[in-house]
N, C-alpha and C. Protein backbone atom coordinates (compact mmCIF):
# COMPACT_ATOMS: atom_id res chain seq x y z
N MET A 1 0.84 -1.17 0.00
CA MET A 1 0.00 0.00 0.00
C MET A 1 0.89 1.24 0.00
N VAL A 2 0.58 2.16 -0.86
CA VAL A 2 1.29 3.44 -0.90
C VAL A 2 0.38 4.47 -0.27
N PHE A 3 0.84 5.09 0.82
CA PHE A 3 0.02 6.02 1.57
C PHE A 3 0.23 7.47 1.15
N GLU A 4 1.42 7.80 0.66
CA GLU A 4 1.70 9.18 0.24
C GLU A 4 1.01 9.45 -1.10
N GLU A 5 0.14 10.43 -1.10
CA GLU A 5 -0.65 10.71 -2.30
C GLU A 5 0.20 11.06 -3.52
N ALA A 6 1.24 11.85 -3.32
CA ALA A 6 2.09 12.25 -4.45
C ALA A 6 2.79 11.04 -5.07
N GLN A 7 3.34 10.17 -4.23
CA GLN A 7 4.02 8.98 -4.75
C GLN A 7 3.01 8.03 -5.39
N ALA A 8 1.84 7.87 -4.76
CA ALA A 8 0.80 7.00 -5.31
C ALA A 8 0.38 7.49 -6.69
N ASN A 9 0.19 8.79 -6.80
CA ASN A 9 -0.21 9.39 -8.08
C ASN A 9 0.84 9.16 -9.15
N GLN A 10 2.09 9.35 -8.79
CA GLN A 10 3.18 9.18 -9.75
C GLN A 10 3.26 7.73 -10.24
N LEU A 11 3.19 6.77 -9.32
CA LEU A 11 3.27 5.36 -9.70
C LEU A 11 2.11 4.97 -10.62
N TYR A 12 0.93 5.48 -10.30
CA TYR A 12 -0.23 5.12 -11.11
C TYR A 12 -0.21 5.83 -12.46
N GLN A 13 0.09 7.12 -12.47
CA GLN A 13 0.06 7.89 -13.71
C GLN A 13 1.19 7.51 -14.67
N LYS A 14 2.39 7.30 -14.15
CA LYS A 14 3.53 7.00 -15.02
C LYS A 14 3.61 5.55 -15.45
N GLY A 15 3.27 4.63 -14.55
CA GLY A 15 3.47 3.22 -14.88
C GLY A 15 2.24 2.34 -14.77
N ALA A 16 1.10 2.95 -14.44
CA ALA A 16 -0.15 2.19 -14.25
C ALA A 16 0.02 1.09 -13.20
N PHE A 17 0.79 1.39 -12.16
CA PHE A 17 0.95 0.44 -11.07
C PHE A 17 -0.20 0.59 -10.09
N GLY A 18 -0.67 -0.53 -9.56
CA GLY A 18 -1.63 -0.51 -8.47
C GLY A 18 -3.05 -0.19 -8.84
N LYS A 19 -3.85 -0.10 -7.77
CA LYS A 19 -5.27 0.22 -7.89
C LYS A 19 -5.53 1.41 -6.97
N PRO A 20 -5.96 2.55 -7.53
CA PRO A 20 -6.21 3.73 -6.70
C PRO A 20 -7.36 3.49 -5.72
N LEU A 21 -7.16 3.95 -4.49
CA LEU A 21 -8.18 3.85 -3.46
C LEU A 21 -8.54 5.26 -2.98
N SER A 22 -9.58 5.35 -2.18
CA SER A 22 -9.97 6.66 -1.65
C SER A 22 -8.87 7.22 -0.76
N GLY A 23 -8.85 8.52 -0.64
CA GLY A 23 -7.85 9.18 0.20
C GLY A 23 -6.48 9.28 -0.43
N GLY A 24 -6.38 9.04 -1.73
CA GLY A 24 -5.10 9.16 -2.43
C GLY A 24 -4.15 7.99 -2.23
N LYS A 25 -4.65 6.89 -1.67
CA LYS A 25 -3.82 5.70 -1.46
C LYS A 25 -3.78 4.85 -2.72
N LEU A 26 -2.80 3.97 -2.78
CA LEU A 26 -2.65 3.08 -3.93
C LEU A 26 -2.37 1.67 -3.42
N GLN A 27 -3.22 0.73 -3.82
CA GLN A 27 -3.04 -0.67 -3.42
C GLN A 27 -2.21 -1.37 -4.49
N LEU A 28 -1.09 -1.96 -4.07
CA LEU A 28 -0.20 -2.67 -4.98
C LEU A 28 -0.30 -4.17 -4.76
N SER A 29 -0.14 -4.92 -5.84
CA SER A 29 -0.09 -6.38 -5.74
C SER A 29 1.31 -6.78 -5.27
N PRO A 30 1.47 -7.99 -4.73
CA PRO A 30 2.81 -8.44 -4.35
C PRO A 30 3.81 -8.37 -5.51
N LEU A 31 3.37 -8.71 -6.73
CA LEU A 31 4.28 -8.66 -7.88
C LEU A 31 4.71 -7.24 -8.18
N GLU A 32 3.79 -6.29 -8.05
CA GLU A 32 4.13 -4.89 -8.28
C GLU A 32 5.13 -4.40 -7.23
N VAL A 33 4.91 -4.79 -5.98
CA VAL A 33 5.83 -4.40 -4.91
C VAL A 33 7.23 -4.94 -5.21
N LEU A 34 7.32 -6.22 -5.54
CA LEU A 34 8.62 -6.82 -5.85
C LEU A 34 9.31 -6.09 -7.00
N TYR A 35 8.56 -5.80 -8.04
CA TYR A 35 9.14 -5.13 -9.21
C TYR A 35 9.64 -3.72 -8.86
N LEU A 36 8.83 -2.98 -8.14
CA LEU A 36 9.21 -1.61 -7.78
C LEU A 36 10.41 -1.59 -6.84
N VAL A 37 10.45 -2.51 -5.89
CA VAL A 37 11.59 -2.58 -4.96
C VAL A 37 12.85 -3.00 -5.72
N GLU A 38 12.74 -4.02 -6.56
CA GLU A 38 13.90 -4.50 -7.32
C GLU A 38 14.48 -3.42 -8.21
N ASN A 39 13.62 -2.56 -8.74
CA ASN A 39 14.06 -1.52 -9.66
C ASN A 39 14.30 -0.17 -8.99
N GLY A 40 14.30 -0.15 -7.66
CA GLY A 40 14.61 1.07 -6.92
C GLY A 40 13.58 2.17 -7.02
N LYS A 41 12.34 1.82 -7.35
CA LYS A 41 11.29 2.83 -7.50
C LYS A 41 10.42 2.97 -6.25
N ALA A 42 10.60 2.05 -5.30
CA ALA A 42 9.84 2.10 -4.05
C ALA A 42 10.62 1.37 -2.97
N GLU A 43 10.28 1.67 -1.74
CA GLU A 43 10.87 0.98 -0.60
C GLU A 43 9.72 0.37 0.19
N ALA A 44 9.90 -0.88 0.60
CA ALA A 44 8.90 -1.56 1.42
C ALA A 44 9.38 -1.57 2.86
N VAL A 45 8.44 -1.36 3.78
CA VAL A 45 8.78 -1.40 5.20
C VAL A 45 7.85 -2.35 5.92
N ASP A 46 8.36 -2.97 6.97
CA ASP A 46 7.57 -3.85 7.81
C ASP A 46 6.53 -3.01 8.54
N GLY A 47 5.27 -3.44 8.48
CA GLY A 47 4.19 -2.68 9.10
C GLY A 47 4.30 -2.57 10.60
N LYS A 48 4.92 -3.54 11.25
CA LYS A 48 5.04 -3.53 12.72
C LYS A 48 6.29 -2.79 13.19
N SER A 49 7.43 -3.16 12.62
CA SER A 49 8.70 -2.59 13.10
C SER A 49 9.09 -1.30 12.39
N GLY A 50 8.56 -1.09 11.18
CA GLY A 50 8.95 0.08 10.40
C GLY A 50 10.29 -0.06 9.70
N LYS A 51 10.90 -1.25 9.82
CA LYS A 51 12.21 -1.49 9.19
C LYS A 51 12.04 -1.79 7.70
N PRO A 52 13.00 -1.34 6.89
CA PRO A 52 12.94 -1.63 5.45
C PRO A 52 13.03 -3.14 5.19
N LEU A 53 12.32 -3.57 4.16
CA LEU A 53 12.34 -4.97 3.74
C LEU A 53 12.98 -5.06 2.36
N GLY A 54 13.96 -5.93 2.23
CA GLY A 54 14.61 -6.12 0.94
C GLY A 54 13.82 -7.07 0.05
N TRP A 55 14.26 -7.17 -1.20
CA TRP A 55 13.57 -7.99 -2.19
C TRP A 55 13.47 -9.45 -1.73
N GLU A 56 14.57 -10.00 -1.23
CA GLU A 56 14.59 -11.41 -0.81
C GLU A 56 13.57 -11.67 0.29
N GLU A 57 13.53 -10.80 1.29
CA GLU A 57 12.59 -10.98 2.40
C GLU A 57 11.15 -10.84 1.92
N LEU A 58 10.90 -9.87 1.06
CA LEU A 58 9.55 -9.71 0.50
C LEU A 58 9.14 -10.96 -0.27
N CYS A 59 10.06 -11.46 -1.08
CA CYS A 59 9.79 -12.66 -1.87
C CYS A 59 9.47 -13.84 -0.96
N ARG A 60 10.23 -14.00 0.10
CA ARG A 60 9.98 -15.09 1.06
C ARG A 60 8.59 -14.96 1.68
N ARG A 61 8.24 -13.75 2.10
CA ARG A 61 6.94 -13.54 2.74
C ARG A 61 5.79 -13.75 1.75
N PHE A 62 5.92 -13.18 0.57
CA PHE A 62 4.84 -13.31 -0.42
C PHE A 62 4.69 -14.74 -0.91
N SER A 63 5.79 -15.49 -0.98
CA SER A 63 5.74 -16.88 -1.45
C SER A 63 4.94 -17.77 -0.52
N LYS A 64 4.83 -17.39 0.73
CA LYS A 64 4.00 -18.14 1.67
C LYS A 64 2.53 -18.08 1.26
N LEU A 65 2.13 -16.97 0.65
CA LEU A 65 0.75 -16.78 0.21
C LEU A 65 0.51 -17.35 -1.18
N ASP A 66 1.56 -17.39 -2.00
CA ASP A 66 1.44 -17.86 -3.38
C ASP A 66 2.67 -18.67 -3.75
N PRO A 67 2.57 -20.01 -3.73
CA PRO A 67 3.73 -20.86 -4.04
C PRO A 67 4.29 -20.65 -5.45
N GLU A 68 3.49 -20.10 -6.37
CA GLU A 68 3.95 -19.85 -7.74
C GLU A 68 4.50 -18.44 -7.94
N LEU A 69 4.71 -17.72 -6.86
CA LEU A 69 5.11 -16.33 -6.95
C LEU A 69 6.38 -16.12 -7.77
N VAL A 70 7.41 -16.90 -7.53
CA VAL A 70 8.69 -16.71 -8.23
C VAL A 70 8.50 -16.95 -9.73
N LEU A 71 7.74 -17.97 -10.08
CA LEU A 71 7.44 -18.25 -11.49
C LEU A 71 6.70 -17.07 -12.12
N LYS A 72 5.66 -16.61 -11.46
CA LYS A 72 4.87 -15.49 -11.98
C LYS A 72 5.71 -14.22 -12.06
N TYR A 73 6.57 -14.03 -11.06
CA TYR A 73 7.39 -12.82 -11.06
C TYR A 73 8.35 -12.78 -12.24
N ALA A 74 8.89 -13.92 -12.62
CA ALA A 74 9.80 -13.96 -13.78
C ALA A 74 9.08 -13.42 -15.02
N VAL A 75 7.83 -13.81 -15.19
CA VAL A 75 7.04 -13.37 -16.35
C VAL A 75 6.64 -11.91 -16.19
N TYR A 76 6.14 -11.55 -15.01
CA TYR A 76 5.71 -10.17 -14.75
C TYR A 76 6.87 -9.20 -15.02
N SER A 77 8.02 -9.50 -14.44
CA SER A 77 9.18 -8.63 -14.58
C SER A 77 9.63 -8.53 -16.04
N ASP A 78 9.62 -9.65 -16.75
CA ASP A 78 10.02 -9.65 -18.15
C ASP A 78 9.08 -8.77 -18.99
N LEU A 79 7.79 -8.91 -18.78
CA LEU A 79 6.82 -8.12 -19.54
C LEU A 79 6.93 -6.63 -19.20
N ARG A 80 7.06 -6.32 -17.91
CA ARG A 80 7.19 -4.92 -17.49
C ARG A 80 8.45 -4.29 -18.09
N SER A 81 9.54 -5.05 -18.08
CA SER A 81 10.80 -4.52 -18.60
C SER A 81 10.73 -4.27 -20.11
N ARG A 82 9.79 -4.92 -20.77
CA ARG A 82 9.59 -4.71 -22.21
C ARG A 82 8.60 -3.58 -22.50
N GLY A 83 8.09 -2.94 -21.44
CA GLY A 83 7.21 -1.78 -21.62
C GLY A 83 5.72 -2.07 -21.59
N TYR A 84 5.33 -3.28 -21.23
CA TYR A 84 3.91 -3.62 -21.16
C TYR A 84 3.36 -3.31 -19.77
N VAL A 85 2.08 -2.99 -19.71
CA VAL A 85 1.38 -2.86 -18.44
C VAL A 85 0.76 -4.21 -18.14
N VAL A 86 1.02 -4.73 -16.95
CA VAL A 86 0.60 -6.08 -16.58
C VAL A 86 -0.31 -6.01 -15.36
N LYS A 87 -1.49 -6.59 -15.49
CA LYS A 87 -2.46 -6.65 -14.39
C LYS A 87 -2.90 -8.09 -14.20
N THR A 88 -3.58 -8.37 -13.09
CA THR A 88 -4.04 -9.73 -12.84
C THR A 88 -5.03 -10.17 -13.92
N GLY A 89 -4.96 -11.44 -14.26
CA GLY A 89 -5.87 -12.02 -15.24
C GLY A 89 -6.82 -13.00 -14.60
N LEU A 90 -6.93 -12.94 -13.28
CA LEU A 90 -7.70 -13.91 -12.51
C LEU A 90 -9.12 -14.10 -13.04
N LYS A 91 -9.82 -13.01 -13.33
CA LYS A 91 -11.21 -13.17 -13.78
C LYS A 91 -11.30 -13.75 -15.20
N PHE A 92 -10.17 -13.83 -15.89
CA PHE A 92 -10.13 -14.43 -17.22
C PHE A 92 -9.52 -15.83 -17.20
N GLY A 93 -9.20 -16.33 -16.03
CA GLY A 93 -8.64 -17.68 -15.92
C GLY A 93 -7.18 -17.78 -16.31
N ALA A 94 -6.47 -16.66 -16.29
CA ALA A 94 -5.04 -16.64 -16.61
C ALA A 94 -4.30 -15.91 -15.50
N HIS A 95 -3.00 -16.00 -15.50
CA HIS A 95 -2.24 -15.28 -14.48
C HIS A 95 -2.29 -13.77 -14.71
N PHE A 96 -2.20 -13.35 -15.99
CA PHE A 96 -2.13 -11.92 -16.27
C PHE A 96 -2.98 -11.53 -17.46
N ARG A 97 -3.39 -10.27 -17.46
CA ARG A 97 -3.87 -9.61 -18.67
C ARG A 97 -2.85 -8.52 -18.96
N VAL A 98 -2.53 -8.36 -20.22
CA VAL A 98 -1.42 -7.48 -20.59
C VAL A 98 -1.90 -6.46 -21.62
N TYR A 99 -1.56 -5.21 -21.35
CA TYR A 99 -1.90 -4.11 -22.24
C TYR A 99 -0.72 -3.83 -23.15
N ASP A 100 -1.02 -3.52 -24.39
CA ASP A 100 0.03 -3.21 -25.35
C ASP A 100 0.81 -1.98 -24.89
N ARG A 101 2.01 -1.85 -25.38
CA ARG A 101 2.85 -0.70 -25.01
C ARG A 101 2.10 0.60 -25.28
N GLY A 102 2.17 1.49 -24.31
CA GLY A 102 1.52 2.79 -24.46
C GLY A 102 0.05 2.81 -24.10
N GLU A 103 -0.53 1.65 -23.82
CA GLU A 103 -1.95 1.60 -23.45
C GLU A 103 -2.07 1.34 -21.96
N ARG A 104 -3.21 1.79 -21.40
CA ARG A 104 -3.41 1.70 -19.96
C ARG A 104 -4.80 1.17 -19.64
N PRO A 105 -4.93 0.54 -18.48
CA PRO A 105 -6.26 0.11 -18.04
C PRO A 105 -7.18 1.33 -17.93
N GLY A 106 -8.41 1.15 -18.32
CA GLY A 106 -9.36 2.26 -18.27
C GLY A 106 -9.39 3.08 -19.54
N GLU A 107 -8.31 3.04 -20.31
CA GLU A 107 -8.23 3.79 -21.56
C GLU A 107 -8.28 2.86 -22.77
N ALA A 108 -7.90 1.61 -22.57
CA ALA A 108 -7.88 0.62 -23.65
C ALA A 108 -8.14 -0.75 -23.04
N HIS A 109 -8.45 -1.70 -23.89
CA HIS A 109 -8.63 -3.08 -23.43
C HIS A 109 -7.29 -3.81 -23.51
N SER A 110 -7.12 -4.76 -22.61
CA SER A 110 -5.89 -5.56 -22.65
C SER A 110 -5.89 -6.36 -23.95
N LYS A 111 -4.70 -6.66 -24.43
CA LYS A 111 -4.56 -7.35 -25.71
C LYS A 111 -4.27 -8.84 -25.52
N TYR A 112 -3.63 -9.19 -24.40
CA TYR A 112 -3.19 -10.56 -24.19
C TYR A 112 -3.65 -11.11 -22.85
N LEU A 113 -3.84 -12.42 -22.82
CA LEU A 113 -3.93 -13.17 -21.57
C LEU A 113 -2.67 -14.00 -21.52
N VAL A 114 -2.01 -14.01 -20.37
CA VAL A 114 -0.74 -14.71 -20.24
C VAL A 114 -0.81 -15.67 -19.06
N HIS A 115 -0.37 -16.89 -19.32
CA HIS A 115 -0.31 -17.90 -18.26
C HIS A 115 1.13 -18.36 -18.13
N ALA A 116 1.68 -18.27 -16.92
CA ALA A 116 3.07 -18.67 -16.66
C ALA A 116 3.15 -20.17 -16.40
N ILE A 117 4.13 -20.81 -17.02
CA ILE A 117 4.32 -22.26 -16.87
C ILE A 117 5.80 -22.54 -16.69
N LYS A 118 6.12 -23.42 -15.77
CA LYS A 118 7.51 -23.84 -15.59
C LYS A 118 7.87 -24.80 -16.73
N GLU A 119 9.07 -24.63 -17.27
CA GLU A 119 9.53 -25.49 -18.35
C GLU A 119 9.43 -26.96 -17.91
N GLY A 120 8.94 -27.80 -18.81
CA GLY A 120 8.81 -29.23 -18.52
C GLY A 120 7.43 -29.64 -18.05
N ILE A 121 6.60 -28.67 -17.69
CA ILE A 121 5.22 -28.97 -17.28
C ILE A 121 4.40 -29.24 -18.53
N ARG A 122 3.61 -30.29 -18.48
CA ARG A 122 2.78 -30.64 -19.64
C ARG A 122 1.35 -30.15 -19.41
N LEU A 123 0.80 -29.56 -20.44
CA LEU A 123 -0.61 -29.17 -20.42
C LEU A 123 -1.35 -30.10 -21.37
N SER A 124 -2.51 -30.53 -20.95
CA SER A 124 -3.30 -31.44 -21.78
C SER A 124 -3.98 -30.65 -22.90
N PRO A 125 -4.33 -31.31 -24.00
CA PRO A 125 -5.05 -30.62 -25.07
C PRO A 125 -6.34 -29.94 -24.57
N PRO A 126 -7.13 -30.57 -23.69
CA PRO A 126 -8.31 -29.85 -23.19
C PRO A 126 -7.96 -28.57 -22.41
N GLU A 127 -6.86 -28.59 -21.65
CA GLU A 127 -6.44 -27.38 -20.92
C GLU A 127 -6.06 -26.27 -21.89
N LEU A 128 -5.31 -26.64 -22.92
CA LEU A 128 -4.91 -25.66 -23.93
C LEU A 128 -6.13 -25.10 -24.65
N ALA A 129 -7.02 -25.99 -25.06
CA ALA A 129 -8.22 -25.57 -25.79
C ALA A 129 -9.09 -24.64 -24.94
N ARG A 130 -9.24 -24.98 -23.67
CA ARG A 130 -10.05 -24.16 -22.77
C ARG A 130 -9.48 -22.74 -22.67
N ALA A 131 -8.17 -22.64 -22.48
CA ALA A 131 -7.52 -21.33 -22.36
C ALA A 131 -7.67 -20.52 -23.65
N VAL A 132 -7.45 -21.17 -24.78
CA VAL A 132 -7.53 -20.47 -26.06
C VAL A 132 -8.96 -20.03 -26.36
N ARG A 133 -9.94 -20.89 -26.05
CA ARG A 133 -11.34 -20.54 -26.29
C ARG A 133 -11.76 -19.35 -25.42
N LEU A 134 -11.31 -19.37 -24.17
CA LEU A 134 -11.65 -18.26 -23.28
C LEU A 134 -11.04 -16.96 -23.78
N ALA A 135 -9.76 -17.00 -24.15
CA ALA A 135 -9.10 -15.80 -24.67
C ALA A 135 -9.82 -15.30 -25.92
N HIS A 136 -10.18 -16.22 -26.80
CA HIS A 136 -10.89 -15.86 -28.03
C HIS A 136 -12.24 -15.20 -27.71
N SER A 137 -12.93 -15.74 -26.71
CA SER A 137 -14.27 -15.22 -26.38
C SER A 137 -14.22 -13.79 -25.83
N VAL A 138 -13.09 -13.38 -25.29
CA VAL A 138 -12.95 -12.01 -24.78
C VAL A 138 -12.03 -11.16 -25.67
N ARG A 139 -11.81 -11.65 -26.89
CA ARG A 139 -11.04 -10.93 -27.91
C ARG A 139 -9.61 -10.61 -27.48
N LYS A 140 -8.95 -11.62 -26.94
CA LYS A 140 -7.57 -11.46 -26.53
C LYS A 140 -6.74 -12.60 -27.11
N THR A 141 -5.45 -12.40 -27.20
CA THR A 141 -4.53 -13.44 -27.66
C THR A 141 -4.00 -14.18 -26.44
N MET A 142 -4.02 -15.50 -26.50
CA MET A 142 -3.53 -16.32 -25.40
C MET A 142 -2.04 -16.56 -25.57
N LEU A 143 -1.27 -16.21 -24.55
CA LEU A 143 0.16 -16.46 -24.54
C LEU A 143 0.51 -17.37 -23.37
N PHE A 144 1.31 -18.38 -23.64
CA PHE A 144 1.85 -19.21 -22.57
C PHE A 144 3.30 -18.79 -22.40
N ALA A 145 3.65 -18.38 -21.19
CA ALA A 145 5.00 -17.93 -20.88
C ALA A 145 5.73 -19.06 -20.18
N VAL A 146 6.69 -19.66 -20.86
CA VAL A 146 7.43 -20.80 -20.32
C VAL A 146 8.73 -20.28 -19.70
N VAL A 147 8.89 -20.58 -18.41
CA VAL A 147 10.05 -20.10 -17.65
C VAL A 147 11.01 -21.26 -17.43
N ASP A 148 12.27 -21.09 -17.89
CA ASP A 148 13.25 -22.17 -17.71
C ASP A 148 13.95 -22.04 -16.35
N ASP A 149 14.87 -22.95 -16.09
CA ASP A 149 15.55 -22.98 -14.79
C ASP A 149 16.40 -21.74 -14.51
N GLU A 150 16.81 -21.03 -15.55
CA GLU A 150 17.59 -19.81 -15.37
C GLU A 150 16.70 -18.58 -15.20
N GLY A 151 15.39 -18.76 -15.33
CA GLY A 151 14.47 -17.64 -15.21
C GLY A 151 14.19 -16.93 -16.52
N ASP A 152 14.71 -17.48 -17.63
CA ASP A 152 14.43 -16.89 -18.94
C ASP A 152 13.03 -17.28 -19.37
N VAL A 153 12.36 -16.35 -20.06
CA VAL A 153 10.97 -16.56 -20.44
C VAL A 153 10.85 -16.63 -21.96
N THR A 154 10.13 -17.63 -22.44
CA THR A 154 9.81 -17.77 -23.86
C THR A 154 8.30 -17.78 -23.98
N TYR A 155 7.78 -17.02 -24.94
CA TYR A 155 6.33 -16.88 -25.09
C TYR A 155 5.85 -17.67 -26.30
N TYR A 156 4.74 -18.36 -26.11
CA TYR A 156 4.10 -19.11 -27.19
C TYR A 156 2.66 -18.64 -27.30
N SER A 157 2.28 -18.29 -28.51
CA SER A 157 0.92 -17.82 -28.77
C SER A 157 0.11 -18.95 -29.40
N LEU A 158 -1.07 -19.14 -28.90
CA LEU A 158 -1.99 -20.11 -29.49
C LEU A 158 -3.27 -19.38 -29.85
N ARG A 159 -3.84 -19.76 -30.98
CA ARG A 159 -5.12 -19.15 -31.35
C ARG A 159 -6.02 -20.20 -31.96
N ARG A 160 -7.26 -19.90 -31.97
CA ARG A 160 -8.27 -20.79 -32.50
C ARG A 160 -8.38 -20.59 -34.01
N GLU A 161 -8.31 -21.68 -34.75
CA GLU A 161 -8.48 -21.64 -36.20
C GLU A 161 -9.80 -22.31 -36.55
N LYS A 162 -10.56 -21.64 -37.37
CA LYS A 162 -11.81 -22.23 -37.83
C LYS A 162 -11.59 -22.87 -39.19
N PRO A 163 -12.12 -24.09 -39.37
CA PRO A 163 -11.93 -24.78 -40.67
C PRO A 163 -12.66 -24.08 -41.80
């Protein structure tokens, strides 16, 4: 949570980070916090002690809530570093919804649904078909982001073809 209105405004206006709340506050997702801390754009502090929290400690704490956090973060960070705005894709059945470069939530529709997968994991044809059909039904492109052991991400696009 960003409590300073000026900083909250800057993060939201410049990078479309977080969700604006009343009183000038900004609610950030764990992935957004990790990205901002890693890139020196924000500092996280422990709510009880007031002591700064580093990236490693944040990652450890957040991973307790989401065992796939490190996998998702590899994809989130890669997309953000390429200039895309990345938001949760939960209501679309994917890890992320991604806005094209230069576009923002509220001003444009997301272009992609992205699902992060660890290299070597197999998806069944029905799982693939379900994801692609859902993406197609909401006019988005389905991307599977495969993360290897080094944290490198490769994207695969699947689309529905009509005979």
